[in-house]
Protein backbone atom coordinates (compact mmCIF):
# COMPACT_ATOMS: atom_id res chain seq x y z
CA MET A 1 -44.30 -38.19 -41.05
CA ALA A 2 -46.90 -37.25 -38.48
CA ASP A 3 -46.20 -34.08 -36.55
CA SER A 4 -45.07 -34.02 -32.92
CA VAL A 5 -48.63 -33.34 -31.66
CA SER A 6 -49.46 -37.01 -32.32
CA VAL A 7 -46.81 -38.23 -29.86
CA ASP A 8 -48.05 -39.18 -26.41
CA TRP A 9 -45.27 -37.60 -24.38
CA GLU A 10 -46.92 -38.53 -21.08
CA LYS A 11 -46.76 -42.18 -22.11
CA ILE A 12 -43.07 -41.78 -22.93
CA GLN A 13 -42.48 -40.16 -19.54
CA SER A 14 -44.19 -43.11 -17.85
CA ASP A 15 -41.86 -45.49 -19.71
CA PHE A 16 -38.94 -44.28 -17.58
CA PRO A 17 -39.11 -45.16 -13.86
CA VAL A 18 -36.27 -42.73 -13.16
CA ASN A 19 -38.95 -40.03 -13.20
CA ASN A 20 -40.35 -41.47 -9.97
CA HIS A 21 -37.09 -40.70 -8.21
CA LEU A 22 -35.05 -38.08 -10.03
CA ILE A 23 -35.13 -35.37 -12.66
CA TRP A 24 -32.35 -36.67 -14.87
CA LEU A 25 -30.79 -33.81 -16.81
CA ASN A 26 -27.44 -35.39 -17.58
CA ASN A 27 -28.49 -37.16 -20.76
CA CYS A 28 -25.41 -35.97 -22.62
CA GLY A 29 -23.48 -37.94 -19.98
CA THR A 30 -25.46 -41.14 -19.47
CA THR A 31 -29.09 -42.08 -19.94
CA PRO A 32 -31.37 -44.24 -17.76
CA LEU A 33 -33.15 -47.41 -18.83
CA GLY A 34 -36.76 -47.33 -20.00
CA ASN A 35 -39.35 -50.06 -19.47
CA PRO A 36 -39.77 -51.11 -23.14
CA VAL A 37 -36.02 -51.64 -23.53
CA ARG A 38 -35.80 -53.51 -20.25
CA GLU A 39 -38.62 -55.79 -21.40
CA SER A 40 -36.67 -56.61 -24.56
CA VAL A 41 -33.56 -57.41 -22.55
CA ASN A 42 -35.62 -59.54 -20.16
CA ARG A 43 -37.04 -61.51 -23.10
CA TRP A 44 -33.53 -62.13 -24.38
CA LEU A 45 -32.30 -63.27 -20.95
CA ASP A 46 -35.31 -65.54 -20.48
CA GLU A 47 -34.68 -67.11 -23.88
CA TYR A 48 -30.96 -67.44 -23.23
CA GLN A 49 -31.67 -69.09 -19.90
CA ARG A 50 -33.89 -71.66 -21.62
CA ARG A 51 -32.14 -72.13 -24.95
CA GLY A 52 -28.66 -70.62 -24.72
CA ALA A 53 -27.27 -69.28 -27.98
CA ALA A 54 -30.20 -70.93 -29.78
CA ALA A 55 -32.55 -68.34 -28.25
CA GLU A 56 -35.48 -67.81 -30.59
CA GLY A 57 -35.74 -64.35 -32.12
CA PHE A 58 -32.30 -63.25 -30.91
CA SER A 59 -29.69 -64.53 -33.33
CA TYR A 60 -26.20 -63.06 -32.98
CA LEU A 61 -25.95 -62.06 -36.62
CA GLY A 62 -29.56 -60.89 -36.73
CA VAL A 63 -29.28 -58.47 -33.83
CA LYS A 64 -26.00 -57.08 -35.11
CA ALA A 65 -27.42 -56.62 -38.61
CA SER A 66 -30.46 -54.84 -37.15
CA ILE A 67 -28.26 -52.35 -35.28
CA HIS A 68 -26.13 -51.72 -38.36
CA HIS A 69 -29.21 -51.16 -40.53
CA ARG A 70 -30.76 -48.68 -38.11
CA LEU A 71 -27.52 -46.73 -37.81
CA GLU A 72 -27.17 -46.67 -41.58
CA LYS A 73 -30.61 -45.09 -41.90
CA LEU A 74 -30.00 -42.62 -39.07
CA LEU A 75 -26.63 -41.39 -40.33
CA ARG A 76 -27.19 -41.96 -44.07
CA ALA A 77 -24.22 -44.31 -44.21
CA LYS A 78 -23.59 -47.20 -46.58
CA GLN A 79 -23.79 -50.85 -45.70
CA GLY A 80 -20.58 -52.18 -44.18
CA GLU A 81 -19.36 -48.89 -42.69
CA PHE A 82 -19.98 -49.69 -39.00
CA ALA A 83 -18.38 -51.86 -36.35
CA LEU A 84 -19.68 -52.33 -32.82
CA VAL A 85 -16.98 -51.57 -30.26
CA HIS A 86 -16.99 -50.72 -26.55
CA HIS A 87 -16.82 -46.94 -26.42
CA THR A 88 -15.59 -43.79 -28.14
CA ALA A 89 -12.07 -44.18 -26.76
CA GLU A 90 -11.70 -47.63 -28.29
CA GLY A 91 -12.99 -46.43 -31.64
CA MET A 92 -10.67 -43.43 -31.59
CA ASN A 93 -7.70 -45.67 -30.79
CA PHE A 94 -8.54 -47.86 -33.78
CA ILE A 95 -8.56 -44.75 -35.94
CA SER A 96 -5.48 -43.10 -34.46
CA HIS A 97 -3.27 -46.20 -34.41
CA GLY A 98 -4.52 -47.27 -37.83
CA LEU A 99 -3.50 -44.12 -39.69
CA ALA A 100 -0.11 -43.60 -41.33
CA LEU A 101 1.62 -40.32 -40.47
CA ASP A 102 5.18 -39.03 -40.80
CA PRO A 103 7.37 -37.01 -38.43
CA GLY A 104 6.51 -33.34 -38.84
CA ASP A 105 2.88 -34.01 -39.67
CA GLU A 106 0.19 -32.31 -37.57
CA ILE A 107 -3.06 -33.42 -35.93
CA LEU A 108 -5.71 -30.81 -35.06
CA LEU A 109 -7.85 -31.36 -31.96
CA LEU A 110 -10.49 -29.21 -30.30
CA GLU A 111 -9.76 -26.89 -27.40
CA ASN A 112 -11.07 -28.34 -24.10
CA GLU A 113 -11.94 -31.56 -25.88
CA TYR A 114 -13.23 -34.62 -24.03
CA PRO A 115 -10.33 -36.98 -23.11
CA SER A 116 -11.61 -39.79 -25.34
CA ASN A 117 -10.66 -37.65 -28.32
CA VAL A 118 -7.32 -36.54 -26.89
CA TYR A 119 -5.58 -39.45 -25.19
CA PRO A 120 -5.83 -41.81 -28.21
CA TRP A 121 -3.78 -39.31 -30.25
CA GLU A 122 -1.00 -38.64 -27.73
CA HIS A 123 1.16 -41.58 -28.86
CA TRP A 124 1.91 -39.64 -32.03
CA ARG A 125 4.01 -37.11 -30.10
CA GLU A 126 6.63 -39.81 -29.51
CA LYS A 127 6.78 -40.31 -33.27
CA GLY A 128 7.47 -36.68 -34.11
CA VAL A 129 3.89 -35.71 -34.98
CA LEU A 130 2.64 -32.40 -33.59
CA LEU A 131 -0.70 -32.18 -31.77
CA ARG A 132 -2.32 -28.76 -32.02
CA THR A 133 -5.68 -27.40 -30.91
CA VAL A 134 -8.28 -25.29 -32.66
CA PRO A 135 -9.59 -22.61 -30.30
CA MET A 136 -13.31 -22.69 -29.61
CA THR A 137 -15.32 -19.78 -30.91
CA ALA A 138 -18.40 -18.29 -29.30
CA ARG A 139 -20.51 -18.96 -32.40
CA PRO A 140 -20.58 -21.96 -34.74
CA GLU A 141 -20.42 -19.77 -37.84
CA ASP A 142 -17.05 -18.37 -36.70
CA PHE A 143 -15.46 -21.79 -36.26
CA PRO A 144 -14.54 -22.57 -39.90
CA ALA A 145 -12.33 -19.46 -40.02
CA ALA A 146 -10.62 -20.51 -36.78
CA PHE A 147 -10.15 -23.99 -38.20
CA ALA A 148 -8.72 -22.68 -41.47
CA ALA A 149 -6.28 -20.47 -39.57
CA ALA A 150 -5.13 -23.36 -37.38
CA ALA A 151 -4.65 -25.83 -40.25
CA GLY A 152 -1.21 -25.69 -41.81
CA PRO A 153 0.50 -27.30 -44.81
CA ARG A 154 1.51 -30.32 -42.67
CA THR A 155 -1.94 -30.85 -41.11
CA ARG A 156 -2.91 -34.41 -41.97
CA VAL A 157 -5.71 -35.17 -39.50
CA ALA A 158 -8.49 -33.17 -37.83
CA SER A 159 -10.39 -34.89 -35.02
CA LEU A 160 -13.21 -32.80 -33.58
CA SER A 161 -16.46 -33.32 -31.72
CA ALA A 162 -19.81 -32.90 -33.43
CA VAL A 163 -21.10 -31.00 -30.38
CA HIS A 164 -18.91 -29.55 -27.64
CA TRP A 165 -19.45 -31.58 -24.49
CA CYS A 166 -19.14 -28.60 -22.11
CA THR A 167 -21.06 -25.88 -23.92
CA GLY A 168 -23.48 -27.76 -26.18
CA MET A 169 -22.34 -25.80 -29.23
CA PRO A 170 -22.82 -27.81 -32.44
CA LEU A 171 -19.90 -27.51 -34.82
CA PRO A 172 -20.56 -26.77 -38.53
CA LEU A 173 -19.53 -30.23 -39.71
CA GLU A 174 -20.30 -29.73 -43.40
CA ALA A 175 -18.18 -26.59 -43.58
CA ILE A 176 -15.31 -28.28 -41.77
CA GLY A 177 -15.64 -31.31 -44.03
CA LYS A 178 -15.29 -29.11 -47.12
CA LEU A 179 -12.15 -27.49 -45.70
CA CYS A 180 -10.69 -30.92 -44.96
CA ALA A 181 -11.47 -32.11 -48.48
CA GLU A 182 -9.86 -29.02 -50.02
CA ARG A 183 -6.69 -29.48 -47.96
CA GLY A 184 -6.40 -33.27 -48.06
CA ILE A 185 -6.99 -33.64 -44.32
CA ALA A 186 -8.38 -36.88 -42.86
CA TRP A 187 -11.65 -35.87 -41.17
CA VAL A 188 -12.38 -37.63 -37.87
CA VAL A 189 -15.45 -36.91 -35.72
CA ASP A 190 -16.26 -37.74 -32.12
CA GLY A 191 -19.99 -38.20 -32.52
CA SER A 192 -20.87 -38.98 -28.91
CA GLN A 193 -22.61 -35.68 -28.22
CA GLY A 194 -24.02 -35.35 -31.71
CA VAL A 195 -25.50 -38.65 -32.88
CA GLY A 196 -29.17 -38.58 -31.99
CA LEU A 197 -29.13 -34.90 -31.00
CA VAL A 198 -28.31 -33.23 -34.31
CA ASP A 199 -29.26 -34.27 -37.82
CA LEU A 200 -25.94 -35.80 -38.81
CA ASP A 201 -25.37 -37.00 -42.39
CA VAL A 202 -21.93 -38.60 -42.63
CA LYS A 203 -21.80 -38.27 -46.42
CA ALA A 204 -22.94 -34.66 -46.60
CA CYS A 205 -20.38 -33.80 -43.91
CA GLY A 206 -17.62 -35.69 -45.71
CA ILE A 207 -16.69 -37.61 -42.56
CA HIS A 208 -14.00 -40.24 -43.08
CA TYR A 209 -13.96 -41.79 -39.61
CA MET A 210 -16.18 -41.44 -36.54
CA ALA A 211 -16.62 -43.04 -33.13
CA PHE A 212 -19.40 -42.57 -30.60
CA SER A 213 -20.89 -44.13 -27.51
CA ALA A 214 -24.35 -45.70 -27.35
CA TRP A 215 -25.38 -44.46 -23.92
CA LYS A 216 -26.04 -40.77 -24.51
CA TRP A 217 -28.68 -39.45 -26.92
CA LEU A 218 -29.32 -42.94 -28.31
CA LEU A 219 -30.42 -44.27 -24.88
CA GLY A 220 -28.15 -47.30 -25.21
CA PRO A 221 -26.18 -49.32 -22.65
CA LEU A 222 -22.99 -48.35 -20.90
CA GLY A 223 -20.01 -50.11 -22.44
CA LEU A 224 -21.12 -50.16 -26.08
CA GLY A 225 -19.83 -47.89 -28.82
CA VAL A 226 -19.77 -47.59 -32.59
CA LEU A 227 -16.94 -47.12 -35.08
CA TYR A 228 -17.70 -45.66 -38.52
CA VAL A 229 -15.25 -45.94 -41.40
CA SER A 230 -16.24 -44.56 -44.79
CA ARG A 231 -16.03 -47.19 -47.53
CA ASP A 232 -13.50 -45.17 -49.50
CA ARG A 233 -11.21 -44.97 -46.45
CA LEU A 234 -11.41 -48.56 -45.26
CA GLU A 235 -8.14 -49.68 -46.82
CA SER A 236 -6.34 -46.59 -45.51
CA LEU A 237 -6.93 -47.66 -41.90
CA ASN A 238 -4.63 -50.45 -40.77
CA PRO A 239 -6.24 -52.77 -38.17
CA ILE A 240 -4.06 -52.95 -35.07
CA PHE A 241 -5.74 -56.11 -33.72
CA LYS A 242 -6.90 -59.28 -35.39
CA GLY A 243 -9.45 -61.69 -33.97
CA THR A 244 -11.91 -64.37 -34.92
CA GLU A 245 -14.41 -61.93 -36.45
CA SER A 246 -11.85 -59.85 -38.35
CA VAL A 247 -11.82 -62.24 -41.31
CA PRO A 248 -14.33 -63.39 -43.95
CA GLN A 249 -16.40 -66.51 -43.18
CA ASP A 250 -15.54 -66.05 -39.53
CA ASN A 251 -17.76 -68.97 -38.50
CA GLU A 252 -15.32 -71.32 -40.25
CA TYR A 253 -12.34 -71.48 -37.94
CA LEU A 254 -10.00 -73.61 -40.06
CA PRO A 255 -8.04 -73.11 -42.18
CA TYR A 256 -6.78 -69.77 -40.82
CA LYS A 257 -7.46 -66.78 -43.03
CA HIS A 258 -5.12 -63.96 -43.93
CA ALA A 259 -7.60 -61.57 -45.56
CA TRP A 260 -9.66 -58.96 -43.73
CA LYS A 261 -13.43 -58.64 -43.90
CA PRO A 262 -14.38 -56.27 -46.73
CA SER A 263 -16.21 -53.99 -44.28
CA ALA A 264 -15.61 -51.95 -41.13
CA ASP A 265 -16.75 -55.02 -39.21
CA ARG A 266 -13.11 -56.18 -39.40
CA PHE A 267 -12.54 -53.88 -36.40
CA ALA A 268 -15.09 -55.71 -34.22
CA ILE A 269 -12.37 -58.36 -33.60
CA SER A 270 -14.42 -60.99 -31.76
CA THR A 271 -17.64 -61.91 -29.97
CA GLY A 272 -19.65 -58.92 -28.77
CA SER A 273 -21.98 -58.65 -25.79
CA MET A 274 -25.38 -59.87 -26.94
CA THR A 275 -27.09 -58.37 -23.90
CA ASP A 276 -25.72 -54.94 -24.79
CA TRP A 277 -26.65 -55.44 -28.43
CA VAL A 278 -30.24 -56.37 -27.59
CA TYR A 279 -30.40 -53.32 -25.28
CA PHE A 280 -29.05 -51.01 -28.00
CA ASP A 281 -31.23 -52.44 -30.75
CA ALA A 282 -34.33 -52.03 -28.58
CA SER A 283 -33.32 -48.43 -27.80
CA LEU A 284 -32.90 -47.61 -31.47
CA ILE A 285 -36.28 -49.22 -32.23
CA TYR A 286 -37.88 -47.18 -29.43
CA LEU A 287 -36.46 -43.92 -30.82
CA GLU A 288 -37.34 -44.89 -34.39
CA GLU A 289 -40.94 -45.47 -33.40
CA ILE A 290 -41.11 -41.96 -31.99
CA GLY A 291 -39.19 -40.68 -35.01
CA PHE A 292 -35.66 -39.29 -34.74
CA GLU A 293 -36.76 -35.91 -36.07
CA ARG A 294 -39.49 -35.74 -33.42
CA VAL A 295 -36.95 -36.78 -30.79
CA ARG A 296 -34.59 -33.97 -31.78
CA ASN A 297 -37.42 -31.45 -31.89
CA ARG A 298 -38.70 -32.50 -28.48
CA ILE A 299 -35.26 -32.19 -26.91
CA GLN A 300 -34.93 -28.73 -28.42
CA VAL A 301 -38.35 -27.67 -27.14
CA LEU A 302 -37.45 -28.74 -23.60
CA ALA A 303 -34.00 -27.15 -23.78
CA ARG A 304 -35.53 -23.92 -25.06
CA ARG A 305 -38.06 -23.86 -22.19
CA LEU A 306 -35.26 -24.46 -19.71
CA SER A 307 -33.09 -21.76 -21.29
CA ASP A 308 -35.89 -19.19 -21.27
CA GLY A 309 -36.63 -19.82 -17.61
CA LEU A 310 -32.99 -19.68 -16.53
CA ARG A 311 -32.41 -16.50 -18.49
CA GLU A 312 -35.31 -14.88 -16.65
CA ALA A 313 -33.72 -16.07 -13.41
CA GLY A 314 -30.56 -14.14 -14.19
CA TYR A 315 -28.42 -16.88 -15.71
CA ASP A 316 -26.03 -16.39 -18.60
CA LEU A 317 -26.30 -19.08 -21.27
CA VAL A 318 -23.60 -20.14 -23.70
CA SER A 319 -26.27 -20.81 -26.33
CA ASP A 320 -27.28 -17.14 -26.38
CA ALA A 321 -24.24 -16.58 -28.59
CA PHE A 322 -25.77 -18.79 -31.29
CA PRO A 323 -29.55 -18.22 -31.15
CA GLY A 324 -30.05 -19.60 -34.65
CA MET A 325 -28.51 -22.96 -33.82
CA GLU A 326 -30.61 -25.31 -31.69
CA THR A 327 -28.94 -27.43 -29.03
CA GLY A 328 -30.11 -29.85 -26.37
CA ILE A 329 -27.33 -28.97 -23.91
CA VAL A 330 -27.91 -25.95 -21.67
CA ALA A 331 -24.75 -24.52 -20.08
CA ALA A 332 -25.67 -21.85 -17.52
CA SER A 333 -23.77 -19.64 -15.11
CA ARG A 334 -24.62 -16.72 -12.87
CA SER A 335 -22.45 -14.13 -11.21
CA GLY A 336 -21.47 -15.20 -7.70
CA LEU A 337 -22.77 -18.76 -8.11
CA ASP A 338 -20.40 -21.66 -7.40
CA SER A 339 -21.46 -24.05 -10.16
CA ALA A 340 -19.88 -27.12 -8.58
CA ARG A 341 -21.69 -26.40 -5.33
CA ALA A 342 -24.92 -25.72 -7.24
CA VAL A 343 -24.74 -29.16 -8.87
CA LYS A 344 -24.35 -30.78 -5.42
CA VAL A 345 -27.33 -28.88 -4.06
CA LEU A 346 -29.43 -29.86 -7.07
CA LYS A 347 -28.51 -33.49 -6.52
CA GLU A 348 -29.68 -33.24 -2.92
CA ARG A 349 -32.99 -32.09 -4.39
CA ASN A 350 -33.06 -35.07 -6.79
CA ILE A 351 -32.04 -33.08 -9.85
CA ILE A 352 -29.09 -34.55 -11.74
CA ALA A 353 -26.88 -32.12 -13.64
CA ALA A 354 -23.13 -31.69 -14.16
CA GLU A 355 -20.53 -28.96 -13.74
CA ARG A 356 -18.45 -28.14 -16.80
CA LEU A 357 -16.02 -25.22 -17.24
CA GLY A 358 -17.56 -23.30 -14.36
CA ARG A 359 -21.13 -23.74 -15.59
CA VAL A 360 -24.10 -25.91 -14.69
CA ARG A 361 -24.71 -28.25 -17.62
CA LEU A 362 -28.22 -29.61 -18.12
CA ALA A 363 -29.47 -31.84 -20.92
CA PRO A 364 -33.09 -33.06 -21.18
CA HIS A 365 -34.34 -36.00 -23.22
CA VAL A 366 -37.77 -37.02 -24.52
CA TYR A 367 -38.93 -38.61 -21.26
CA ILE A 368 -38.61 -35.31 -19.34
CA SER A 369 -41.80 -33.27 -18.82
CA GLU A 370 -42.45 -29.54 -18.90
CA LYS A 371 -43.44 -29.77 -15.25
CA GLN A 372 -40.02 -31.15 -14.38
CA ILE A 373 -38.32 -28.42 -16.38
CA ASP A 374 -40.31 -25.76 -14.52
CA ARG A 375 -39.33 -27.25 -11.18
CA VAL A 376 -35.65 -27.14 -12.15
CA ILE A 377 -36.01 -23.48 -13.11
CA THR A 378 -37.59 -22.72 -9.74
CA GLU A 379 -34.87 -24.58 -7.85
CA MET A 380 -32.06 -22.91 -9.79
CA ALA A 381 -33.61 -19.47 -9.42
CA ALA A 382 -33.50 -19.98 -5.64
CA LEU A 383 -29.84 -21.06 -5.52
């Protein structure tokens, strides 16, 4: 792999017209559309306008297979372990409603977790299952001990985020996976903040189930998500819906079939949005061409520059508690500063950030420049 010096970052910055209007630092929330991806979507729409579903170069099965293959390489998954869904919440509902639990069992969730990894589990309370939370620790290396202390003899499921959405702290997924394996706990991950930002190997981490959205670090479209089910756990997850694409030979509609597809694709149910798929496939290709390792390194370089400048400006950073663990999410606060008000002022100055847990949350991506980062530092220093 060529090193990051060979990447033309100025060209990448010019690929994103958002830079002509805003400094977009909410990439762990949503990401803007770049020109190369838009061109791919335009080609698809032009073809569909002329030829309908017979559009040349954009077959339904071909685009889906391309997305699956790229995700398999990125996450070191096996063939047949992904299904394309609409968002993290949908994927988590498939997982939660598909598991078999008994009254008195326990589910562990993360303190201050994003709602998409909380609400899908709440139905279990009505069935006598206890929902408990693992307290966040200041440092990733302290989290396994907190997890071990929170897990009891009736803990059957742990569903945690790969990276905390408010603080940017990556969780030690391999260590948690080992604890889950030792205790017979089903290991579920919300990968929305992690996939594309951290080097995530689903097998090394022992992840059984995972859901994530396409529109954060993977630069995909709003309204598209991914469900991962490990091959050895596929039969342990009962599908709660059945549709045309849930069964083998789904292009043969009669006679009706009673078997499920022998892959996670059984959870896709029915026809997906080709426009979203083309968008997502083009985004994955774009990131692949840069190189996912280069992408992660670039995000870290920008986040480090931003952190250094804010620290000099008197800001406290959550990431200072884990200096050995790189993150692309910068959560900053300063004594006397109203973070919600600060985010509004930044928006008035065409800088897009978010307020989370009393802090200003900023998250750069590869199309952001050092010059933009320096301007944000200057603006925040003056708040």
